[in-house]
N, C-alpha and C. Protein backbone atom coordinates (compact mmCIF):
# COMPACT_ATOMS: atom_id res chain seq x y z
N MET A 1 128.70 96.24 157.58
CA MET A 1 128.46 95.84 158.95
C MET A 1 128.18 97.06 159.81
N ASN A 2 127.21 96.95 160.66
CA ASN A 2 126.92 98.09 161.52
C ASN A 2 127.80 98.06 162.77
N THR A 3 127.70 99.09 163.55
CA THR A 3 128.56 99.26 164.72
C THR A 3 128.38 98.13 165.73
N ILE A 4 127.15 97.71 165.94
CA ILE A 4 126.89 96.66 166.93
C ILE A 4 127.54 95.35 166.48
N SER A 5 127.40 95.02 165.20
CA SER A 5 128.00 93.79 164.69
C SER A 5 129.52 93.84 164.81
N LEU A 6 130.10 94.99 164.48
CA LEU A 6 131.55 95.12 164.61
C LEU A 6 132.00 94.99 166.06
N ASN A 7 131.23 95.57 166.97
CA ASN A 7 131.56 95.48 168.38
C ASN A 7 131.47 94.02 168.86
N ASN A 8 130.43 93.32 168.42
CA ASN A 8 130.30 91.90 168.79
C ASN A 8 131.46 91.08 168.24
N LEU A 9 131.87 91.37 167.03
CA LEU A 9 133.01 90.67 166.45
C LEU A 9 134.27 90.95 167.26
N TRP A 10 134.46 92.20 167.67
CA TRP A 10 135.63 92.57 168.46
C TRP A 10 135.64 91.84 169.80
N VAL A 11 134.47 91.77 170.45
CA VAL A 11 134.36 91.06 171.73
C VAL A 11 134.67 89.58 171.53
N TYR A 12 134.17 89.01 170.42
CA TYR A 12 134.45 87.60 170.13
C TYR A 12 135.95 87.38 169.94
N LEU A 13 136.59 88.25 169.16
CA LEU A 13 138.03 88.10 168.91
C LEU A 13 138.83 88.25 170.20
N GLN A 14 138.41 89.14 171.07
CA GLN A 14 139.11 89.31 172.34
C GLN A 14 138.97 88.08 173.22
N GLY A 15 137.87 87.33 173.06
CA GLY A 15 137.64 86.14 173.86
C GLY A 15 138.48 84.95 173.41
N LEU A 16 139.03 85.00 172.19
CA LEU A 16 139.86 83.91 171.71
C LEU A 16 141.25 84.00 172.32
N THR A 17 141.89 82.86 172.47
CA THR A 17 143.26 82.86 172.97
C THR A 17 144.20 82.89 171.76
N LEU A 18 144.47 84.09 171.30
CA LEU A 18 145.32 84.26 170.13
C LEU A 18 146.73 84.65 170.55
N THR A 19 147.70 84.06 169.89
CA THR A 19 149.08 84.46 170.13
C THR A 19 149.35 85.74 169.36
N ALA A 20 150.50 86.33 169.61
CA ALA A 20 150.88 87.54 168.89
C ALA A 20 150.97 87.26 167.39
N ASN A 21 151.47 86.09 167.03
CA ASN A 21 151.56 85.72 165.61
C ASN A 21 150.18 85.57 164.98
N ASN A 22 149.24 84.99 165.74
CA ASN A 22 147.87 84.86 165.23
C ASN A 22 147.25 86.23 164.99
N LYS A 23 147.44 87.14 165.94
CA LYS A 23 146.90 88.49 165.80
C LYS A 23 147.52 89.22 164.61
N LYS A 24 148.84 89.06 164.44
CA LYS A 24 149.52 89.68 163.32
C LYS A 24 149.01 89.12 162.00
N TRP A 25 148.81 87.80 161.93
CA TRP A 25 148.30 87.16 160.73
C TRP A 25 146.91 87.71 160.39
N LEU A 26 146.05 87.79 161.40
CA LEU A 26 144.69 88.29 161.19
C LEU A 26 144.71 89.75 160.73
N ALA A 27 145.54 90.57 161.38
CA ALA A 27 145.63 91.98 161.00
C ALA A 27 146.15 92.13 159.58
N ASP A 28 147.17 91.36 159.22
CA ASP A 28 147.72 91.45 157.87
C ASP A 28 146.67 91.10 156.82
N HIS A 29 145.89 90.06 157.09
CA HIS A 29 144.87 89.65 156.13
C HIS A 29 143.74 90.68 156.04
N LEU A 30 143.37 91.29 157.16
CA LEU A 30 142.34 92.33 157.12
C LEU A 30 142.83 93.55 156.34
N TYR A 31 144.08 93.96 156.59
CA TYR A 31 144.63 95.10 155.87
C TYR A 31 144.74 94.81 154.38
N GLU A 32 145.17 93.62 154.02
CA GLU A 32 145.30 93.26 152.61
C GLU A 32 143.94 93.27 151.92
N SER A 33 142.94 92.75 152.60
CA SER A 33 141.59 92.75 152.05
C SER A 33 141.08 94.17 151.86
N ALA A 34 141.32 95.04 152.83
CA ALA A 34 140.88 96.43 152.73
C ALA A 34 141.62 97.15 151.60
N ARG A 35 142.91 96.91 151.46
CA ARG A 35 143.68 97.55 150.39
C ARG A 35 143.19 97.11 149.02
N SER A 36 142.89 95.83 148.85
CA SER A 36 142.43 95.35 147.55
C SER A 36 141.06 95.92 147.21
N GLU A 37 140.19 96.08 148.22
CA GLU A 37 138.88 96.70 147.97
C GLU A 37 139.04 98.16 147.58
N ASP A 38 139.93 98.89 148.27
CA ASP A 38 140.18 100.29 147.93
C ASP A 38 140.74 100.41 146.53
N ALA A 39 141.66 99.52 146.18
CA ALA A 39 142.27 99.56 144.85
C ALA A 39 141.24 99.28 143.77
N SER A 40 140.33 98.35 144.02
CA SER A 40 139.32 98.04 143.01
C SER A 40 138.37 99.22 142.80
N LEU A 41 138.10 99.99 143.85
CA LEU A 41 137.25 101.17 143.70
C LEU A 41 137.94 102.25 142.91
N LEU A 42 139.25 102.40 143.08
CA LEU A 42 139.99 103.43 142.38
C LEU A 42 140.24 103.10 140.92
N VAL A 43 140.36 101.83 140.59
CA VAL A 43 140.71 101.44 139.24
C VAL A 43 139.53 101.58 138.29
N ASP A 44 138.33 101.26 138.73
CA ASP A 44 137.18 101.21 137.83
C ASP A 44 136.54 102.59 137.68
N LYS A 45 137.19 103.46 136.91
CA LYS A 45 136.65 104.78 136.62
C LYS A 45 136.24 104.90 135.16
N SER A 46 136.19 103.79 134.45
CA SER A 46 135.88 103.82 133.03
C SER A 46 134.44 104.24 132.75
N ASN A 47 133.55 104.06 133.70
CA ASN A 47 132.15 104.41 133.47
C ASN A 47 131.81 105.83 133.91
N TRP A 48 132.80 106.59 134.33
CA TRP A 48 132.56 107.98 134.72
C TRP A 48 132.24 108.79 133.48
N PRO A 49 131.37 109.77 133.61
CA PRO A 49 131.14 110.63 132.45
C PRO A 49 132.35 111.50 132.19
N LYS A 50 132.69 111.61 130.94
CA LYS A 50 133.84 112.41 130.55
C LYS A 50 133.34 113.76 130.04
N LEU A 51 133.92 114.84 130.54
CA LEU A 51 133.55 116.18 130.10
C LEU A 51 134.44 116.59 128.94
N THR A 52 133.84 117.27 128.00
CA THR A 52 134.59 117.82 126.88
C THR A 52 134.57 119.34 126.98
N LYS A 53 135.32 120.01 126.14
CA LYS A 53 135.31 121.47 126.15
C LYS A 53 133.94 122.01 125.79
N GLU A 54 133.23 121.29 124.93
CA GLU A 54 131.88 121.72 124.54
C GLU A 54 130.91 121.67 125.73
N ASP A 55 131.14 120.73 126.65
CA ASP A 55 130.29 120.64 127.83
C ASP A 55 130.48 121.83 128.77
N LEU A 56 131.64 122.46 128.71
CA LEU A 56 131.95 123.55 129.63
C LEU A 56 131.67 124.93 129.03
N VAL A 57 131.20 124.98 127.81
CA VAL A 57 130.88 126.27 127.18
C VAL A 57 129.58 126.79 127.77
N ILE A 58 129.59 128.07 128.13
CA ILE A 58 128.40 128.69 128.70
C ILE A 58 127.47 129.09 127.56
N SER A 59 126.21 128.74 127.70
CA SER A 59 125.24 129.01 126.64
C SER A 59 125.01 130.51 126.49
N PRO A 60 124.61 130.97 125.30
CA PRO A 60 124.33 132.40 125.10
C PRO A 60 123.21 132.91 126.01
N GLU A 61 122.25 132.05 126.31
CA GLU A 61 121.15 132.48 127.19
C GLU A 61 121.67 132.81 128.59
N VAL A 62 122.56 131.99 129.12
CA VAL A 62 123.11 132.24 130.45
C VAL A 62 124.03 133.46 130.40
N MET A 63 124.83 133.59 129.38
CA MET A 63 125.70 134.75 129.26
C MET A 63 124.90 136.04 129.20
N ALA A 64 123.74 136.01 128.56
CA ALA A 64 122.89 137.20 128.47
C ALA A 64 122.40 137.62 129.85
N LEU A 65 122.22 136.67 130.75
CA LEU A 65 121.75 136.99 132.10
C LEU A 65 122.80 137.75 132.91
N VAL A 66 124.06 137.51 132.66
CA VAL A 66 125.11 138.08 133.50
C VAL A 66 126.03 139.06 132.76
N GLU A 67 125.71 139.40 131.52
CA GLU A 67 126.63 140.22 130.75
C GLU A 67 126.76 141.66 131.28
N ASP A 68 125.77 142.14 132.03
CA ASP A 68 125.82 143.51 132.54
C ASP A 68 126.52 143.62 133.88
N PHE A 69 126.91 142.52 134.49
CA PHE A 69 127.51 142.54 135.81
C PHE A 69 129.03 142.58 135.73
N GLU A 70 129.62 143.32 136.65
CA GLU A 70 131.07 143.37 136.79
C GLU A 70 131.46 142.53 138.00
N PRO A 71 132.61 141.88 137.97
CA PRO A 71 133.05 141.11 139.15
C PRO A 71 133.24 142.01 140.36
N THR A 72 133.00 141.47 141.53
CA THR A 72 133.18 142.21 142.76
C THR A 72 134.68 142.29 143.08
N PRO A 73 135.18 143.48 143.42
CA PRO A 73 136.60 143.58 143.79
C PRO A 73 136.90 142.72 145.03
N ALA A 74 138.14 142.32 145.15
CA ALA A 74 138.54 141.43 146.24
C ALA A 74 138.46 142.11 147.60
N ASP A 75 138.58 143.42 147.66
CA ASP A 75 138.62 144.11 148.94
C ASP A 75 137.24 144.58 149.42
N VAL A 76 136.17 144.11 148.82
CA VAL A 76 134.83 144.51 149.21
C VAL A 76 134.42 143.73 150.46
N ASN A 77 133.84 144.43 151.42
CA ASN A 77 133.35 143.80 152.64
C ASN A 77 131.88 143.42 152.40
N LEU A 78 131.64 142.15 152.09
CA LEU A 78 130.29 141.71 151.76
C LEU A 78 129.35 141.81 152.95
N ASP A 79 129.85 141.57 154.13
CA ASP A 79 129.00 141.69 155.33
C ASP A 79 128.53 143.13 155.50
N GLN A 80 129.41 144.07 155.26
CA GLN A 80 129.04 145.48 155.38
C GLN A 80 128.02 145.85 154.29
N MET A 81 128.19 145.32 153.09
CA MET A 81 127.24 145.58 152.02
C MET A 81 125.85 145.03 152.37
N ARG A 82 125.80 143.84 152.96
CA ARG A 82 124.53 143.26 153.37
C ARG A 82 123.86 144.13 154.46
N LEU A 83 124.67 144.57 155.40
CA LEU A 83 124.15 145.41 156.47
C LEU A 83 123.61 146.72 155.91
N ASP A 84 124.35 147.33 155.00
CA ASP A 84 123.89 148.58 154.41
C ASP A 84 122.57 148.38 153.64
N TYR A 85 122.48 147.26 152.91
CA TYR A 85 121.27 146.98 152.17
C TYR A 85 120.08 146.79 153.11
N LEU A 86 120.30 146.04 154.20
CA LEU A 86 119.22 145.81 155.15
C LEU A 86 118.81 147.06 155.89
N MET A 87 119.75 147.94 156.13
CA MET A 87 119.46 149.18 156.84
C MET A 87 118.64 150.13 155.97
N ASN A 88 118.83 150.06 154.66
CA ASN A 88 118.05 150.93 153.74
C ASN A 88 116.72 150.30 153.53
């Protein structure tokens, strides 16, 4: 439902003469419906692709591209390195 439809529904509900019990009943049923929809989305994960250890192995071709690089130390100021590179 789009925003306009929801707003129209809200205006319609406000126009009804509902008692506090009626409003509570309606709210409880809306919450229950929303919870059951959320639960059904969380339960059906059987069709998700499953990763194996073989899927996470880095290919030799990719390793060859990065084998000469060392990790950057944690205390390196990358912004300063970019500035120095641009200045040269």
